[in-house]
Structure formats: C-alpha cells, structure tokens
Amino acid sequence: MTEMMTFLTSSINAQKESANEIRNDIAMIRCEIQDIRDAMRSTEQRITNLATNQSSIQDEIQSLKNFAEKAGDKLVSLESNVENLKNLPSDTSIKRSYEEILSELNDQSMRKKNILIAGIPEPQSTDAKERIDIDKSKVVDAIKNLLKDCPEPKKMYALEDTNQERIVQ
C-alpha cells in the first residue's frame, strides 16, 4: 500500500502540476486575448482615422480639380487675350493712323473755310490764265458784295454739279 500511496501521491502531485500549468496557460491566454482586444481597438481607431483622412484627401482632390478647372479657364482667356493683342495694329500703324486722323482733321478744318458759289457763268476765253483771272474777279466781286472784310481766296476750283451747273469753290 505504500506503493500505492506513493503512486497516488505522485499522481496527485502530477495532476496538481498539470492543473497549475493549465491555470498558467489559461492566464496567458487571457492576457493574449486582452492584447488582441487592445490591438483590435487600436486597429479600429486607425481605420476610423484612415477613413477621416481619406475623406479629407478626397475633399482636397476635389478642391484641386476645381482650381485646375479655373486655371484652365483663365489660361484659355489669356490665350484669347494674347491672340487679340497679336491682332492689334503695331505701333507704326497706330502712329500712321494717328497721322491720318490729324491730316483728316486738318483737311476738315480747311474745308470749313470753303465757300461754294454757284451760278458764275463759264468764261468764253480759250486762254487758261485769262479764264482763271475772269473766274477770280467774279468770285471776289461776289464775296465783296456779301462780306466787306473777307480776304481774297487763296485757291479756286471749278466744280461740276449733278445738275450740270458750274460751281466755283
């Protein structure tokens, strides 16, 4: 019986050791489960942060798309403006246009001083100088009758009217 007692005692001791090992293993498993839970919570938090970051990135991408679209519109507008500037007259043509305008204004100013006289008969002379002198004397006489202080004409031209009436300017 002692043998059996020894055997039972050793068996009990072995079972106690096995039970202690099992308890230790269970405690370790509980710790690992807790670590896994903590890791899952951390992962969930990271996933939430990533989702928030992704939303922010998508907003930023949309903002960049809008900016690029506006920049493209501005580029098209600038290209159009450059084309319009290319089609503008150069400085020399602007200067020439300015000179033409001044010349036209000067001509208009001179034409404002013109007097048209109709009804002066055509001189019958065949000599050109004599015809001019006759026209000039008739024009001067007509002007002197209207205006006493009017200077003599600087230039005279004979014009034909559409009614075939002779006009002296």
N, C-alpha and C. Protein backbone atom coordinates (compact mmCIF):
# COMPACT_ATOMS: atom_id res chain seq x y z
N MET A 1 0.76 -1.14 0.00
CA MET A 1 0.00 0.00 0.00
C MET A 1 0.83 1.26 0.00
N THR A 2 1.82 1.18 0.54
CA THR A 2 2.68 2.33 0.47
C THR A 2 3.05 2.64 -0.97
N GLU A 3 3.14 1.64 -1.62
CA GLU A 3 3.46 1.87 -3.03
C GLU A 3 2.30 2.56 -3.71
N MET A 4 1.18 2.14 -3.36
CA MET A 4 0.03 2.71 -3.97
C MET A 4 -0.14 4.15 -3.49
N MET A 5 0.16 4.36 -2.26
CA MET A 5 0.07 5.69 -1.73
C MET A 5 1.10 6.58 -2.41
N THR A 6 2.21 6.06 -2.60
CA THR A 6 3.27 6.81 -3.26
C THR A 6 2.82 7.11 -4.70
N PHE A 7 2.24 6.09 -5.27
CA PHE A 7 1.79 6.25 -6.63
C PHE A 7 0.67 7.29 -6.66
N LEU A 8 -0.28 7.20 -5.75
CA LEU A 8 -1.39 8.13 -5.70
C LEU A 8 -0.87 9.54 -5.40
N THR A 9 0.06 9.62 -4.50
CA THR A 9 0.61 10.91 -4.13
C THR A 9 1.32 11.50 -5.34
N SER A 10 2.09 10.70 -6.00
CA SER A 10 2.81 11.20 -7.17
C SER A 10 1.82 11.55 -8.27
N SER A 11 0.75 10.78 -8.35
CA SER A 11 -0.28 11.05 -9.34
C SER A 11 -0.99 12.36 -8.98
N ILE A 12 -1.29 12.57 -7.73
CA ILE A 12 -1.94 13.79 -7.29
C ILE A 12 -1.01 14.98 -7.54
N ASN A 13 0.24 14.78 -7.20
CA ASN A 13 1.21 15.86 -7.42
C ASN A 13 1.32 16.18 -8.91
N ALA A 14 1.30 15.18 -9.73
CA ALA A 14 1.39 15.38 -11.18
C ALA A 14 0.14 16.12 -11.67
N GLN A 15 -1.01 15.77 -11.10
CA GLN A 15 -2.24 16.42 -11.50
C GLN A 15 -2.24 17.89 -11.04
N LYS A 16 -1.69 18.10 -9.81
CA LYS A 16 -1.61 19.47 -9.31
C LYS A 16 -0.70 20.30 -10.22
N GLU A 17 0.41 19.70 -10.61
CA GLU A 17 1.33 20.40 -11.51
C GLU A 17 0.64 20.67 -12.85
N SER A 18 -0.09 19.67 -13.34
CA SER A 18 -0.81 19.84 -14.60
C SER A 18 -1.87 20.92 -14.45
N ALA A 19 -2.58 20.93 -13.31
CA ALA A 19 -3.61 21.93 -13.08
C ALA A 19 -2.98 23.32 -13.01
N ASN A 20 -1.83 23.43 -12.33
CA ASN A 20 -1.12 24.71 -12.25
C ASN A 20 -0.68 25.17 -13.64
N GLU A 21 -0.18 24.27 -14.42
CA GLU A 21 0.24 24.61 -15.80
C GLU A 21 -0.95 25.06 -16.62
N ILE A 22 -2.08 24.34 -16.43
CA ILE A 22 -3.29 24.71 -17.16
C ILE A 22 -3.75 26.10 -16.73
N ARG A 23 -3.70 26.36 -15.37
CA ARG A 23 -4.07 27.69 -14.88
C ARG A 23 -3.16 28.76 -15.46
N ASN A 24 -1.87 28.47 -15.48
CA ASN A 24 -0.92 29.43 -16.06
C ASN A 24 -1.19 29.65 -17.55
N ASP A 25 -1.48 28.54 -18.24
CA ASP A 25 -1.78 28.66 -19.67
C ASP A 25 -3.06 29.48 -19.89
N ILE A 26 -4.07 29.24 -19.05
CA ILE A 26 -5.32 29.99 -19.16
C ILE A 26 -5.07 31.47 -18.89
N ALA A 27 -4.26 31.77 -17.87
CA ALA A 27 -3.94 33.17 -17.55
C ALA A 27 -3.22 33.82 -18.74
N MET A 28 -2.30 33.06 -19.35
CA MET A 28 -1.57 33.59 -20.51
C MET A 28 -2.53 33.81 -21.69
N ILE A 29 -3.46 32.88 -21.85
CA ILE A 29 -4.43 33.01 -22.94
C ILE A 29 -5.30 34.24 -22.71
N ARG A 30 -5.70 34.45 -21.43
CA ARG A 30 -6.50 35.63 -21.11
C ARG A 30 -5.72 36.91 -21.43
N CYS A 31 -4.44 36.92 -21.08
CA CYS A 31 -3.60 38.09 -21.39
C CYS A 31 -3.50 38.30 -22.91
N GLU A 32 -3.32 37.21 -23.63
CA GLU A 32 -3.23 37.31 -25.08
C GLU A 32 -4.55 37.78 -25.68
N ILE A 33 -5.67 37.27 -25.12
CA ILE A 33 -6.99 37.73 -25.59
C ILE A 33 -7.14 39.23 -25.33
N GLN A 34 -6.70 39.68 -24.15
CA GLN A 34 -6.76 41.10 -23.82
C GLN A 34 -5.88 41.91 -24.79
N ASP A 35 -4.68 41.37 -25.07
CA ASP A 35 -3.80 42.04 -26.03
C ASP A 35 -4.46 42.12 -27.40
N ILE A 36 -5.11 41.04 -27.80
CA ILE A 36 -5.79 41.02 -29.11
C ILE A 36 -6.92 42.05 -29.12
N ARG A 37 -7.69 42.12 -28.00
CA ARG A 37 -8.77 43.10 -27.92
C ARG A 37 -8.20 44.53 -28.02
N ASP A 38 -7.10 44.75 -27.29
CA ASP A 38 -6.47 46.08 -27.35
C ASP A 38 -5.99 46.38 -28.77
N ALA A 39 -5.40 45.39 -29.40
CA ALA A 39 -4.92 45.57 -30.78
C ALA A 39 -6.09 45.84 -31.72
N MET A 40 -7.22 45.15 -31.49
CA MET A 40 -8.40 45.37 -32.34
C MET A 40 -8.94 46.78 -32.15
N ARG A 41 -8.99 47.25 -30.87
CA ARG A 41 -9.45 48.62 -30.62
C ARG A 41 -8.52 49.62 -31.31
N SER A 42 -7.23 49.39 -31.22
CA SER A 42 -6.25 50.26 -31.85
C SER A 42 -6.43 50.24 -33.37
N THR A 43 -6.65 49.05 -33.92
CA THR A 43 -6.86 48.91 -35.36
C THR A 43 -8.14 49.62 -35.78
N GLU A 44 -9.20 49.47 -34.99
CA GLU A 44 -10.45 50.16 -35.28
C GLU A 44 -10.24 51.67 -35.28
N GLN A 45 -9.47 52.16 -34.30
CA GLN A 45 -9.19 53.60 -34.24
C GLN A 45 -8.39 54.04 -35.47
N ARG A 46 -7.43 53.23 -35.87
CA ARG A 46 -6.64 53.55 -37.07
C ARG A 46 -7.52 53.56 -38.31
N ILE A 47 -8.43 52.61 -38.40
CA ILE A 47 -9.34 52.54 -39.55
C ILE A 47 -10.22 53.79 -39.57
N THR A 48 -10.71 54.19 -38.40
CA THR A 48 -11.53 55.41 -38.32
C THR A 48 -10.71 56.63 -38.76
N ASN A 49 -9.46 56.70 -38.27
CA ASN A 49 -8.58 57.81 -38.67
C ASN A 49 -8.30 57.78 -40.17
N LEU A 50 -8.07 56.59 -40.71
CA LEU A 50 -7.82 56.46 -42.15
C LEU A 50 -9.05 56.90 -42.95
N ALA A 51 -10.24 56.54 -42.48
CA ALA A 51 -11.46 56.94 -43.18
C ALA A 51 -11.59 58.47 -43.16
N THR A 52 -11.29 59.08 -42.00
CA THR A 52 -11.33 60.54 -41.90
C THR A 52 -10.31 61.17 -42.83
N ASN A 53 -9.09 60.62 -42.82
CA ASN A 53 -8.03 61.14 -43.70
C ASN A 53 -8.41 60.97 -45.17
N GLN A 54 -9.02 59.84 -45.49
CA GLN A 54 -9.42 59.60 -46.88
C GLN A 54 -10.46 60.64 -47.30
N SER A 55 -11.39 60.93 -46.41
CA SER A 55 -12.40 61.95 -46.71
C SER A 55 -11.74 63.31 -46.92
N SER A 56 -10.77 63.64 -46.06
CA SER A 56 -10.05 64.92 -46.22
C SER A 56 -9.29 64.95 -47.53
N ILE A 57 -8.67 63.84 -47.87
CA ILE A 57 -7.91 63.76 -49.13
C ILE A 57 -8.85 63.91 -50.31
N GLN A 58 -10.02 63.28 -50.26
CA GLN A 58 -10.98 63.41 -51.35
C GLN A 58 -11.45 64.86 -51.49
N ASP A 59 -11.68 65.53 -50.35
CA ASP A 59 -12.05 66.95 -50.40
C ASP A 59 -10.94 67.78 -51.03
N GLU A 60 -9.71 67.49 -50.65
CA GLU A 60 -8.56 68.23 -51.20
C GLU A 60 -8.41 67.97 -52.70
N ILE A 61 -8.64 66.73 -53.12
CA ILE A 61 -8.58 66.39 -54.55
C ILE A 61 -9.65 67.16 -55.31
N GLN A 62 -10.86 67.23 -54.75
CA GLN A 62 -11.93 67.99 -55.41
C GLN A 62 -11.57 69.47 -55.50
N SER A 63 -10.99 69.98 -54.42
CA SER A 63 -10.57 71.38 -54.42
C SER A 63 -9.51 71.62 -55.49
N LEU A 64 -8.56 70.70 -55.62
CA LEU A 64 -7.52 70.82 -56.65
C LEU A 64 -8.11 70.72 -58.06
N LYS A 65 -9.11 69.84 -58.23
CA LYS A 65 -9.77 69.74 -59.53
C LYS A 65 -10.44 71.06 -59.88
N ASN A 66 -11.14 71.65 -58.90
CA ASN A 66 -11.81 72.94 -59.14
C ASN A 66 -10.79 74.02 -59.49
N PHE A 67 -9.68 74.03 -58.75
CA PHE A 67 -8.62 75.00 -59.01
C PHE A 67 -8.04 74.80 -60.41
N ALA A 68 -7.81 73.54 -60.78
CA ALA A 68 -7.25 73.25 -62.11
C ALA A 68 -8.23 73.68 -63.20
N GLU A 69 -9.52 73.48 -62.96
CA GLU A 69 -10.51 73.88 -63.95
C GLU A 69 -10.53 75.40 -64.12
N LYS A 70 -10.48 76.12 -62.98
CA LYS A 70 -10.45 77.58 -63.05
C LYS A 70 -9.17 78.05 -63.73
N ALA A 71 -8.05 77.40 -63.41
CA ALA A 71 -6.78 77.77 -64.04
C ALA A 71 -6.84 77.52 -65.54
N GLY A 72 -7.49 76.42 -65.94
CA GLY A 72 -7.65 76.13 -67.36
C GLY A 72 -8.49 77.19 -68.05
N ASP A 73 -9.57 77.62 -67.39
CA ASP A 73 -10.41 78.68 -67.95
C ASP A 73 -9.62 79.97 -68.10
N LYS A 74 -8.83 80.29 -67.08
CA LYS A 74 -8.02 81.51 -67.14
C LYS A 74 -6.99 81.40 -68.26
N LEU A 75 -6.42 80.20 -68.44
CA LEU A 75 -5.44 80.00 -69.50
C LEU A 75 -6.07 80.23 -70.86
N VAL A 76 -7.28 79.70 -71.05
CA VAL A 76 -7.98 79.90 -72.32
C VAL A 76 -8.24 81.39 -72.54
N SER A 77 -8.66 82.07 -71.47
CA SER A 77 -8.92 83.50 -71.55
C SER A 77 -7.64 84.27 -71.90
N LEU A 78 -6.54 83.90 -71.25
CA LEU A 78 -5.26 84.57 -71.53
C LEU A 78 -4.81 84.31 -72.97
N GLU A 79 -5.00 83.07 -73.45
CA GLU A 79 -4.63 82.77 -74.83
C GLU A 79 -5.45 83.63 -75.79
N SER A 80 -6.74 83.79 -75.49
CA SER A 80 -7.60 84.62 -76.32
C SER A 80 -7.13 86.08 -76.30
N ASN A 81 -6.77 86.56 -75.11
CA ASN A 81 -6.26 87.93 -75.00
C ASN A 81 -4.97 88.12 -75.77
N VAL A 82 -4.09 87.12 -75.71
CA VAL A 82 -2.82 87.20 -76.46
C VAL A 82 -3.11 87.25 -77.95
N GLU A 83 -4.06 86.42 -78.42
CA GLU A 83 -4.42 86.45 -79.84
C GLU A 83 -4.96 87.82 -80.22
N ASN A 84 -5.81 88.38 -79.35
CA ASN A 84 -6.35 89.71 -79.64
C ASN A 84 -5.25 90.75 -79.69
N LEU A 85 -4.29 90.63 -78.77
CA LEU A 85 -3.16 91.58 -78.77
C LEU A 85 -2.31 91.42 -80.03
N LYS A 86 -2.16 90.17 -80.49
CA LYS A 86 -1.38 89.95 -81.71
C LYS A 86 -2.07 90.61 -82.91
N ASN A 87 -3.41 90.65 -82.87
CA ASN A 87 -4.16 91.20 -83.99
C ASN A 87 -4.27 92.72 -83.94
N LEU A 88 -3.86 93.33 -82.83
CA LEU A 88 -3.89 94.79 -82.74
C LEU A 88 -2.84 95.38 -83.69
N PRO A 89 -3.09 96.57 -84.19
CA PRO A 89 -2.10 97.18 -85.08
C PRO A 89 -0.81 97.48 -84.31
N SER A 90 0.28 97.43 -85.04
CA SER A 90 1.57 97.70 -84.41
C SER A 90 1.70 99.20 -84.14
N ASP A 91 2.76 99.57 -83.43
CA ASP A 91 2.97 100.98 -83.09
C ASP A 91 3.07 101.85 -84.33
N THR A 92 3.72 101.33 -85.39
CA THR A 92 3.86 102.14 -86.60
C THR A 92 2.51 102.37 -87.25
N SER A 93 1.65 101.33 -87.25
CA SER A 93 0.34 101.53 -87.87
C SER A 93 -0.52 102.44 -87.00
N ILE A 94 -0.36 102.36 -85.67
CA ILE A 94 -1.09 103.28 -84.79
C ILE A 94 -0.62 104.70 -85.05
N LYS A 95 0.69 104.88 -85.19
CA LYS A 95 1.24 106.20 -85.46
C LYS A 95 0.72 106.70 -86.81
N ARG A 96 0.71 105.80 -87.79
CA ARG A 96 0.23 106.16 -89.11
C ARG A 96 -1.26 106.53 -89.03
N SER A 97 -2.03 105.76 -88.29
CA SER A 97 -3.45 106.06 -88.12
C SER A 97 -3.62 107.41 -87.44
N TYR A 98 -2.81 107.68 -86.45
CA TYR A 98 -2.86 108.96 -85.74
C TYR A 98 -2.56 110.10 -86.71
N GLU A 99 -1.55 109.90 -87.55
CA GLU A 99 -1.20 110.93 -88.53
C GLU A 99 -2.33 111.11 -89.54
N GLU A 100 -2.97 110.01 -89.96
CA GLU A 100 -4.08 110.11 -90.90
C GLU A 100 -5.25 110.86 -90.26
N ILE A 101 -5.51 110.58 -88.99
CA ILE A 101 -6.60 111.27 -88.29
C ILE A 101 -6.30 112.77 -88.21
N LEU A 102 -5.06 113.10 -87.85
CA LEU A 102 -4.69 114.52 -87.77
C LEU A 102 -4.81 115.20 -89.13
N SER A 103 -4.38 114.49 -90.16
CA SER A 103 -4.47 115.04 -91.51
C SER A 103 -5.93 115.26 -91.90
N GLU A 104 -6.78 114.29 -91.59
CA GLU A 104 -8.21 114.42 -91.91
C GLU A 104 -8.83 115.58 -91.13
N LEU A 105 -8.47 115.72 -89.86
CA LEU A 105 -9.00 116.84 -89.06
C LEU A 105 -8.53 118.18 -89.63
N ASN A 106 -7.28 118.23 -90.05
CA ASN A 106 -6.75 119.45 -90.66
C ASN A 106 -7.50 119.76 -91.96
N ASP A 107 -7.72 118.72 -92.77
CA ASP A 107 -8.47 118.92 -94.02
C ASP A 107 -9.89 119.40 -93.74
N GLN A 108 -10.54 118.80 -92.72
CA GLN A 108 -11.90 119.22 -92.37
C GLN A 108 -11.90 120.68 -91.93
N SER A 109 -10.91 121.05 -91.14
CA SER A 109 -10.81 122.44 -90.69
C SER A 109 -10.67 123.38 -91.88
N MET A 110 -9.84 122.98 -92.84
CA MET A 110 -9.65 123.81 -94.03
C MET A 110 -10.94 123.87 -94.86
N ARG A 111 -11.65 122.73 -94.96
CA ARG A 111 -12.89 122.71 -95.75
C ARG A 111 -13.98 123.55 -95.10
N LYS A 112 -13.92 123.72 -93.80
CA LYS A 112 -14.92 124.55 -93.13
C LYS A 112 -14.83 126.00 -93.63
N LYS A 113 -13.68 126.39 -94.09
CA LYS A 113 -13.46 127.76 -94.57
C LYS A 113 -13.87 127.91 -96.03
N ASN A 114 -14.19 126.80 -96.70
CA ASN A 114 -14.55 126.85 -98.12
C ASN A 114 -15.89 127.55 -98.32
N ILE A 115 -15.97 128.21 -99.44
CA ILE A 115 -17.21 128.86 -99.84
C ILE A 115 -17.53 128.32 -101.24
N LEU A 116 -18.75 127.84 -101.42
CA LEU A 116 -19.20 127.37 -102.73
C LEU A 116 -20.11 128.45 -103.33
N ILE A 117 -19.78 128.81 -104.52
CA ILE A 117 -20.57 129.83 -105.21
C ILE A 117 -21.07 129.20 -106.50
N ALA A 118 -22.38 129.20 -106.68
CA ALA A 118 -22.99 128.61 -107.87
C ALA A 118 -23.53 129.72 -108.76
N GLY A 119 -23.56 129.43 -110.04
CA GLY A 119 -24.20 130.36 -110.97
C GLY A 119 -23.24 131.31 -111.65
N ILE A 120 -21.94 131.14 -111.46
CA ILE A 120 -20.99 132.00 -112.17
C ILE A 120 -20.84 131.42 -113.58
N PRO A 121 -21.10 132.23 -114.59
CA PRO A 121 -21.05 131.70 -115.97
C PRO A 121 -19.64 131.30 -116.38
N GLU A 122 -19.56 130.34 -117.26
CA GLU A 122 -18.28 129.83 -117.76
C GLU A 122 -17.67 130.90 -118.65
N PRO A 123 -16.39 131.27 -118.39
CA PRO A 123 -15.74 132.26 -119.28
C PRO A 123 -15.59 131.67 -120.69
N GLN A 124 -15.73 132.52 -121.71
CA GLN A 124 -15.67 132.06 -123.10
C GLN A 124 -14.26 132.09 -123.68
N SER A 125 -13.31 132.56 -122.91
CA SER A 125 -11.94 132.69 -123.39
C SER A 125 -11.32 131.31 -123.58
N THR A 126 -10.38 131.22 -124.51
CA THR A 126 -9.68 129.96 -124.74
C THR A 126 -8.36 129.91 -123.99
N ASP A 127 -7.88 131.05 -123.51
CA ASP A 127 -6.64 131.12 -122.75
C ASP A 127 -6.93 130.72 -121.30
N ALA A 128 -6.21 129.73 -120.77
CA ALA A 128 -6.46 129.21 -119.42
C ALA A 128 -6.22 130.26 -118.35
N LYS A 129 -5.13 131.04 -118.48
CA LYS A 129 -4.82 132.05 -117.46
C LYS A 129 -5.90 133.12 -117.45
N GLU A 130 -6.36 133.50 -118.60
CA GLU A 130 -7.39 134.52 -118.69
C GLU A 130 -8.70 134.01 -118.08
N ARG A 131 -9.04 132.75 -118.30
CA ARG A 131 -10.26 132.15 -117.72
C ARG A 131 -10.17 132.16 -116.19
N ILE A 132 -8.98 131.82 -115.65
CA ILE A 132 -8.79 131.81 -114.19
C ILE A 132 -8.94 133.22 -113.64
N ASP A 133 -8.35 134.19 -114.33
CA ASP A 133 -8.44 135.59 -113.86
C ASP A 133 -9.88 136.08 -113.88
N ILE A 134 -10.64 135.72 -114.91
CA ILE A 134 -12.05 136.13 -115.00
C ILE A 134 -12.85 135.51 -113.85
N ASP A 135 -12.63 134.18 -113.62
CA ASP A 135 -13.32 133.50 -112.51
C ASP A 135 -12.98 134.17 -111.19
N LYS A 136 -11.69 134.48 -110.99
CA LYS A 136 -11.26 135.07 -109.72
C LYS A 136 -11.91 136.43 -109.52
N SER A 137 -11.97 137.24 -110.55
CA SER A 137 -12.55 138.58 -110.39
C SER A 137 -14.05 138.49 -110.10
N LYS A 138 -14.76 137.53 -110.74
CA LYS A 138 -16.19 137.37 -110.48
C LYS A 138 -16.43 136.86 -109.06
N VAL A 139 -15.58 135.96 -108.57
CA VAL A 139 -15.71 135.43 -107.21
C VAL A 139 -15.44 136.53 -106.20
N VAL A 140 -14.36 137.31 -106.41
CA VAL A 140 -14.01 138.41 -105.49
C VAL A 140 -15.14 139.42 -105.45
N ASP A 141 -15.73 139.75 -106.61
CA ASP A 141 -16.85 140.69 -106.65
C ASP A 141 -18.03 140.15 -105.84
N ALA A 142 -18.33 138.85 -106.01
CA ALA A 142 -19.48 138.26 -105.28
C ALA A 142 -19.21 138.28 -103.77
N ILE A 143 -17.99 137.98 -103.36
CA ILE A 143 -17.64 137.95 -101.93
C ILE A 143 -17.69 139.36 -101.36
N LYS A 144 -17.14 140.32 -102.08
CA LYS A 144 -17.11 141.71 -101.59
C LYS A 144 -18.52 142.25 -101.43
N ASN A 145 -19.44 141.83 -102.30
CA ASN A 145 -20.83 142.28 -102.17
C ASN A 145 -21.48 141.71 -100.91
N LEU A 146 -21.06 140.50 -100.49
CA LEU A 146 -21.64 139.87 -99.29
C LEU A 146 -20.90 140.27 -98.01
N LEU A 147 -19.60 140.20 -98.04
CA LEU A 147 -18.78 140.47 -96.85
C LEU A 147 -17.72 141.49 -97.20
N LYS A 148 -17.69 142.61 -96.51
CA LYS A 148 -16.76 143.69 -96.82
C LYS A 148 -15.33 143.35 -96.41
N ASP A 149 -15.14 142.61 -95.26
CA ASP A 149 -13.80 142.37 -94.73
C ASP A 149 -13.24 141.00 -95.11
N CYS A 150 -13.83 140.31 -96.05
CA CYS A 150 -13.38 138.96 -96.41
C CYS A 150 -12.11 139.04 -97.25
N PRO A 151 -11.08 138.25 -96.89
CA PRO A 151 -9.85 138.28 -97.71
C PRO A 151 -10.08 137.61 -99.05
N GLU A 152 -9.14 137.86 -99.97
CA GLU A 152 -9.25 137.25 -101.29
C GLU A 152 -9.00 135.75 -101.17
N PRO A 153 -9.61 134.95 -102.06
CA PRO A 153 -9.43 133.49 -101.99
C PRO A 153 -7.98 133.09 -102.26
N LYS A 154 -7.55 132.05 -101.57
CA LYS A 154 -6.20 131.53 -101.78
C LYS A 154 -6.17 130.56 -102.95
N LYS A 155 -7.24 129.74 -103.05
CA LYS A 155 -7.34 128.79 -104.15
C LYS A 155 -8.76 128.80 -104.67
N MET A 156 -8.88 128.48 -105.98
CA MET A 156 -10.21 128.41 -106.58
C MET A 156 -10.25 127.18 -107.46
N TYR A 157 -11.40 126.51 -107.43
CA TYR A 157 -11.61 125.33 -108.25
C TYR A 157 -12.99 125.43 -108.88
N ALA A 158 -13.07 125.03 -110.13
CA ALA A 158 -14.37 124.97 -110.80
C ALA A 158 -14.87 123.53 -110.66
N LEU A 159 -16.10 123.37 -110.16
CA LEU A 159 -16.69 122.05 -109.95
C LEU A 159 -17.92 121.89 -110.83
N GLU A 160 -18.26 120.68 -111.16
CA GLU A 160 -19.48 120.39 -111.91
C GLU A 160 -20.49 119.82 -110.92
N ASP A 161 -21.68 120.35 -110.89
CA ASP A 161 -22.74 119.82 -110.04
C ASP A 161 -23.47 118.74 -110.82
N THR A 162 -24.26 117.92 -110.11
CA THR A 162 -25.02 116.87 -110.79
C THR A 162 -26.08 117.45 -111.71
N ASN A 163 -26.45 118.71 -111.48
CA ASN A 163 -27.42 119.38 -112.36
C ASN A 163 -26.73 120.05 -113.54
N GLN A 164 -25.44 119.78 -113.70
CA GLN A 164 -24.64 120.35 -114.76
C GLN A 164 -24.50 121.86 -114.63
N GLU A 165 -24.59 122.35 -113.40
CA GLU A 165 -24.42 123.77 -113.11
C GLU A 165 -22.99 123.96 -112.66
N ARG A 166 -22.36 125.01 -113.09
CA ARG A 166 -20.97 125.26 -112.75
C ARG A 166 -20.88 125.85 -111.35
N ILE A 167 -19.96 125.27 -110.51
CA ILE A 167 -19.77 125.75 -109.14
C ILE A 167 -18.31 126.09 -108.97
N VAL A 168 -18.05 127.24 -108.35
CA VAL A 168 -16.68 127.66 -108.08
C VAL A 168 -16.49 127.57 -106.57
N GLN A 169 -15.42 126.89 -106.19
CA GLN A 169 -15.13 126.74 -104.77
C GLN A 169 -13.93 127.59 -104.44
